[in-house]
C-alpha atoms as a PDB file:
ATOM      1  CA  ASN A   1       0.000   0.000   0.000  1.00  0.00           C
ATOM      2  CA  ILE A   2       2.931   2.355  -0.490  1.00  0.00           C
ATOM      3  CA  LYS A   3       1.976   5.383  -2.547  1.00  0.00           C
ATOM      4  CA  ALA A   4       3.536   8.579  -3.863  1.00  0.00           C
ATOM      5  CA  GLY A   5       4.409  10.960  -1.063  1.00  0.00           C
ATOM      6  CA  ASP A   6       4.646   8.299   1.657  1.00  0.00           C
ATOM      7  CA  LYS A   7       7.782   8.171   3.759  1.00  0.00           C
ATOM      8  CA  VAL A   8       9.402   4.745   3.917  1.00  0.00           C
ATOM      9  CA  LEU A   9      12.256   3.701   6.195  1.00  0.00           C
ATOM     10  CA  VAL A  10      14.411   0.875   4.878  1.00  0.00           C
ATOM     11  CA  GLN A  11      16.923  -0.692   7.229  1.00  0.00           C
ATOM     12  CA  GLY A  12      20.259  -1.651   5.803  1.00  0.00           C
ATOM     13  CA  THR A  13      21.578  -2.250   2.321  1.00  0.00           C
ATOM     14  CA  GLY A  14      21.241  -6.008   1.895  1.00  0.00           C
ATOM     15  CA  GLY A  15      19.285  -7.684  -0.888  1.00  0.00           C
ATOM     16  CA  VAL A  16      15.775  -7.217   0.549  1.00  0.00           C
ATOM     17  CA  SER A  17      16.556  -3.609   1.468  1.00  0.00           C
ATOM     18  CA  ILE A  18      17.923  -2.773  -1.993  1.00  0.00           C
ATOM     19  CA  PHE A  19      14.732  -4.079  -3.619  1.00  0.00           C
ATOM     20  CA  ALA A  20      12.641  -2.122  -1.099  1.00  0.00           C
ATOM     21  CA  ILE A  21      14.536   1.102  -1.885  1.00  0.00           C
ATOM     22  CA  GLN A  22      13.997   0.672  -5.615  1.00  0.00           C
ATOM     23  CA  ILE A  23      10.341  -0.363  -5.403  1.00  0.00           C
ATOM     24  CA  ALA A  24       9.334   2.342  -2.905  1.00  0.00           C
ATOM     25  CA  SER A  25      11.124   5.103  -4.830  1.00  0.00           C
ATOM     26  CA  ALA A  26       9.588   3.880  -8.113  1.00  0.00           C
ATOM     27  CA  LEU A  27       6.168   4.253  -6.454  1.00  0.00           C
ATOM     28  CA  GLY A  28       7.004   7.866  -5.609  1.00  0.00           C
ATOM     29  CA  ALA A  29       7.741   7.425  -1.912  1.00  0.00           C
ATOM     30  CA  GLU A  30      10.416   9.336  -0.032  1.00  0.00           C
ATOM     31  CA  VAL A  31      12.855   6.649   1.095  1.00  0.00           C
ATOM     32  CA  ILE A  32      15.068   6.953   4.161  1.00  0.00           C
ATOM     33  CA  VAL A  33      17.794   4.310   4.521  1.00  0.00           C
ATOM     34  CA  THR A  34      19.897   3.291   7.536  1.00  0.00           C
ATOM     35  CA  SER A  35      23.323   1.638   7.339  1.00  0.00           C
ATOM     36  CA  SER A  36      26.637   1.628   9.182  1.00  0.00           C
ATOM     37  CA  SER A  37      28.532   2.323   5.944  1.00  0.00           C
ATOM     38  CA  ASP A  38      28.677   5.774   4.350  1.00  0.00           C
ATOM     39  CA  GLU A  39      29.786   4.111   1.107  1.00  0.00           C
ATOM     40  CA  LYS A  40      26.688   1.892   1.065  1.00  0.00           C
ATOM     41  CA  LEU A  41      24.488   4.882   1.921  1.00  0.00           C
ATOM     42  CA  GLU A  42      25.844   6.711  -1.136  1.00  0.00           C
ATOM     43  CA  LYS A  43      24.941   3.673  -3.259  1.00  0.00           C
ATOM     44  CA  ALA A  44      21.467   3.695  -1.691  1.00  0.00           C
ATOM     45  CA  LYS A  45      21.048   7.311  -2.846  1.00  0.00           C
ATOM     46  CA  GLU A  46      21.982   6.238  -6.385  1.00  0.00           C
ATOM     47  CA  LEU A  47      19.241   3.585  -6.195  1.00  0.00           C
ATOM     48  CA  GLY A  48      16.541   6.033  -5.083  1.00  0.00           C
ATOM     49  CA  ALA A  49      16.986   6.836  -1.392  1.00  0.00           C
ATOM     50  CA  SER A  50      16.045  10.423  -0.576  1.00  0.00           C
ATOM     51  CA  LYS A  51      17.745  10.594   2.806  1.00  0.00           C
ATOM     52  CA  VAL A  52      20.212   8.417   4.684  1.00  0.00           C
ATOM     53  CA  ILE A  53      21.243   7.814   8.296  1.00  0.00           C
ATOM     54  CA  ASN A  54      24.458   6.184   9.438  1.00  0.00           C
ATOM     55  CA  TYR A  55      23.375   4.344  12.600  1.00  0.00           C
ATOM     56  CA  LYS A  56      26.972   4.155  13.875  1.00  0.00           C
ATOM     57  CA  THR A  57      27.170   7.952  13.813  1.00  0.00           C
ATOM     58  CA  HIS A  58      23.544   8.241  15.024  1.00  0.00           C
ATOM     59  CA  PRO A  59      22.830   5.278  17.349  1.00  0.00           C
ATOM     60  CA  ASP A  60      19.463   6.864  18.183  1.00  0.00           C
ATOM     61  CA  TRP A  61      18.479   6.665  14.508  1.00  0.00           C
ATOM     62  CA  GLU A  62      14.772   6.741  15.356  1.00  0.00           C
ATOM     63  CA  LYS A  63      15.259  10.335  16.575  1.00  0.00           C
ATOM     64  CA  GLU A  64      17.027  11.194  13.318  1.00  0.00           C
ATOM     65  CA  VAL A  65      14.046   9.790  11.398  1.00  0.00           C
ATOM     66  CA  GLN A  66      11.751  12.069  13.397  1.00  0.00           C
ATOM     67  CA  LYS A  67      14.016  15.058  12.618  1.00  0.00           C
ATOM     68  CA  LEU A  68      14.104  14.237   8.893  1.00  0.00           C
ATOM     69  CA  THR A  69      10.297  14.030   8.810  1.00  0.00           C
ATOM     70  CA  ASN A  70       9.732  17.198  10.864  1.00  0.00           C
ATOM     71  CA  GLY A  71       8.434  15.138  13.780  1.00  0.00           C
ATOM     72  CA  LYS A  72       5.813  13.288  11.739  1.00  0.00           C
ATOM     73  CA  GLY A  73       7.559   9.925  11.394  1.00  0.00           C
ATOM     74  CA  VAL A  74       7.372   7.467   8.512  1.00  0.00           C
ATOM     75  CA  GLU A  75       4.345   5.599   7.181  1.00  0.00           C
ATOM     76  CA  HIS A  76       6.170   2.342   6.404  1.00  0.00           C
ATOM     77  CA  ILE A  77       9.220   0.559   7.798  1.00  0.00           C
ATOM     78  CA  VAL A  78      10.902  -2.422   6.180  1.00  0.00           C
ATOM     79  CA  GLU A  79      12.302  -4.069   9.315  1.00  0.00           C
ATOM     80  CA  VAL A  80      15.078  -6.573   8.644  1.00  0.00           C
ATOM     81  CA  VAL A  81      17.031  -6.308  11.906  1.00  0.00           C
ATOM     82  CA  GLY A  82      14.603  -7.495  14.582  1.00  0.00           C
ATOM     83  CA  GLY A  83      15.562  -7.568  18.253  1.00  0.00           C
ATOM     84  CA  SER A  84      15.985  -4.135  19.838  1.00  0.00           C
ATOM     85  CA  SER A  85      15.423  -2.477  16.474  1.00  0.00           C
ATOM     86  CA  ILE A  86      11.664  -3.102  16.704  1.00  0.00           C
ATOM     87  CA  ALA A  87      11.290  -0.675  19.624  1.00  0.00           C
ATOM     88  CA  LYS A  88      13.221   1.997  17.705  1.00  0.00           C
ATOM     89  CA  SER A  89      11.110   1.356  14.617  1.00  0.00           C
ATOM     90  CA  ILE A  90       7.941   2.012  16.619  1.00  0.00           C
ATOM     91  CA  GLU A  91       9.396   5.353  17.766  1.00  0.00           C
ATOM     92  CA  ALA A  92      10.207   6.290  14.145  1.00  0.00           C
ATOM     93  CA  LEU A  93       6.612   5.763  12.976  1.00  0.00           C
ATOM     94  CA  ALA A  94       3.859   8.197  12.176  1.00  0.00           C
ATOM     95  CA  PHE A  95       0.325   7.524  13.494  1.00  0.00           C
ATOM     96  CA  GLN A  96      -1.659   4.454  12.322  1.00  0.00           C
ATOM     97  CA  VAL A  97       0.978   3.035  10.004  1.00  0.00           C
ATOM     98  CA  HIS A  98       2.997  -0.122   9.322  1.00  0.00           C
ATOM     99  CA  ILE A  99       6.135  -2.053  10.192  1.00  0.00           C
ATOM    100  CA  TYR A 100       6.833  -4.958   7.857  1.00  0.00           C
ATOM    101  CA  VAL A 101       9.091  -7.526   9.518  1.00  0.00           C
ATOM    102  CA  VAL A 102      11.039  -9.285   6.779  1.00  0.00           C
ATOM    103  CA  GLY A 103      13.956 -10.591   8.826  1.00  0.00           C
ATOM    104  CA  PHE A 104      15.737 -10.718  12.143  1.00  0.00           C
ATOM    105  CA  LEU A 105      19.465 -10.244  11.689  1.00  0.00           C
ATOM    106  CA  GLU A 106      19.953  -9.144  15.295  1.00  0.00           C
ATOM    107  CA  ASN A 107      17.555 -11.385  17.184  1.00  0.00           C
ATOM    108  CA  MET A 108      14.265 -13.254  16.742  1.00  0.00           C
ATOM    109  CA  GLU A 109      12.935 -11.864  20.009  1.00  0.00           C
ATOM    110  CA  ALA A 110      12.093  -8.243  20.751  1.00  0.00           C
ATOM    111  CA  GLU A 111      11.115  -6.246  23.802  1.00  0.00           C
ATOM    112  CA  VAL A 112       8.379  -3.819  22.813  1.00  0.00           C
ATOM    113  CA  ASN A 113       6.964  -0.831  24.707  1.00  0.00           C
ATOM    114  CA  LEU A 114       3.273  -1.620  24.367  1.00  0.00           C
ATOM    115  CA  PHE A 115       2.300   1.944  25.264  1.00  0.00           C
ATOM    116  CA  SER A 116       4.240   3.279  22.261  1.00  0.00           C
ATOM    117  CA  LEU A 117       2.704   0.632  20.036  1.00  0.00           C
ATOM    118  CA  LEU A 118      -0.812   1.484  21.235  1.00  0.00           C
ATOM    119  CA  ALA A 119      -0.245   5.234  21.107  1.00  0.00           C
ATOM    120  CA  LYS A 120       0.932   5.023  17.491  1.00  0.00           C
ATOM    121  CA  GLN A 121      -1.796   2.472  16.660  1.00  0.00           C
ATOM    122  CA  ALA A 122       0.887   0.745  14.610  1.00  0.00           C
ATOM    123  CA  ARG A 123       0.476  -2.468  12.682  1.00  0.00           C
ATOM    124  CA  ILE A 124       3.329  -4.971  12.684  1.00  0.00           C
ATOM    125  CA  GLN A 125       3.108  -7.489   9.874  1.00  0.00           C
ATOM    126  CA  GLY A 126       5.370 -10.437   9.159  1.00  0.00           C
ATOM    127  CA  ILE A 127       6.353 -10.887   5.504  1.00  0.00           C
ATOM    128  CA  ASN A 128       7.663 -14.112   3.983  1.00  0.00           C
ATOM    129  CA  VAL A 129       9.720 -14.245   0.828  1.00  0.00           C
ATOM    130  CA  GLY A 130       7.587 -15.475  -2.057  1.00  0.00           C
ATOM    131  CA  HIS A 131       8.304 -17.520  -5.126  1.00  0.00           C
ATOM    132  CA  HIS A 132       9.542 -16.245  -8.478  1.00  0.00           C
ATOM    133  CA  ARG A 133       6.091 -16.188 -10.136  1.00  0.00           C
ATOM    134  CA  ALA A 134       4.688 -13.997  -7.352  1.00  0.00           C
ATOM    135  CA  PHE A 135       7.600 -11.590  -7.811  1.00  0.00           C
ATOM    136  CA  GLU A 136       6.904 -11.331 -11.532  1.00  0.00           C
ATOM    137  CA  ASP A 137       3.143 -10.897 -10.931  1.00  0.00           C
END
């Protein structure tokens, strides 16, 4: 449900994230990307990212997301890290929007502040990788 004008946060610069950057920017979304590598962030810009955050330089990257969106947050997050990242993702969200959990590089378990989740009325949805035909469709 990503549309032109939406703000999308993509974590990292791995395969899933690179596709997410390209697809979201092709749909007209403003894409914010996080990575620990400035070199990879530059590549992300070439692929369609509007803004980038180095999470080594900015460990509180969720606050940087809020700054970049003038305190509004993002409508969609492609969450590939899992673990403690989920709580930060919730803080980076706008109101009544989505986190799509595609992976869990850090950890399969997460501690979540339920008040933040309820206050944002966020939806967290698990996404599985599909088959080739679904991708083409």
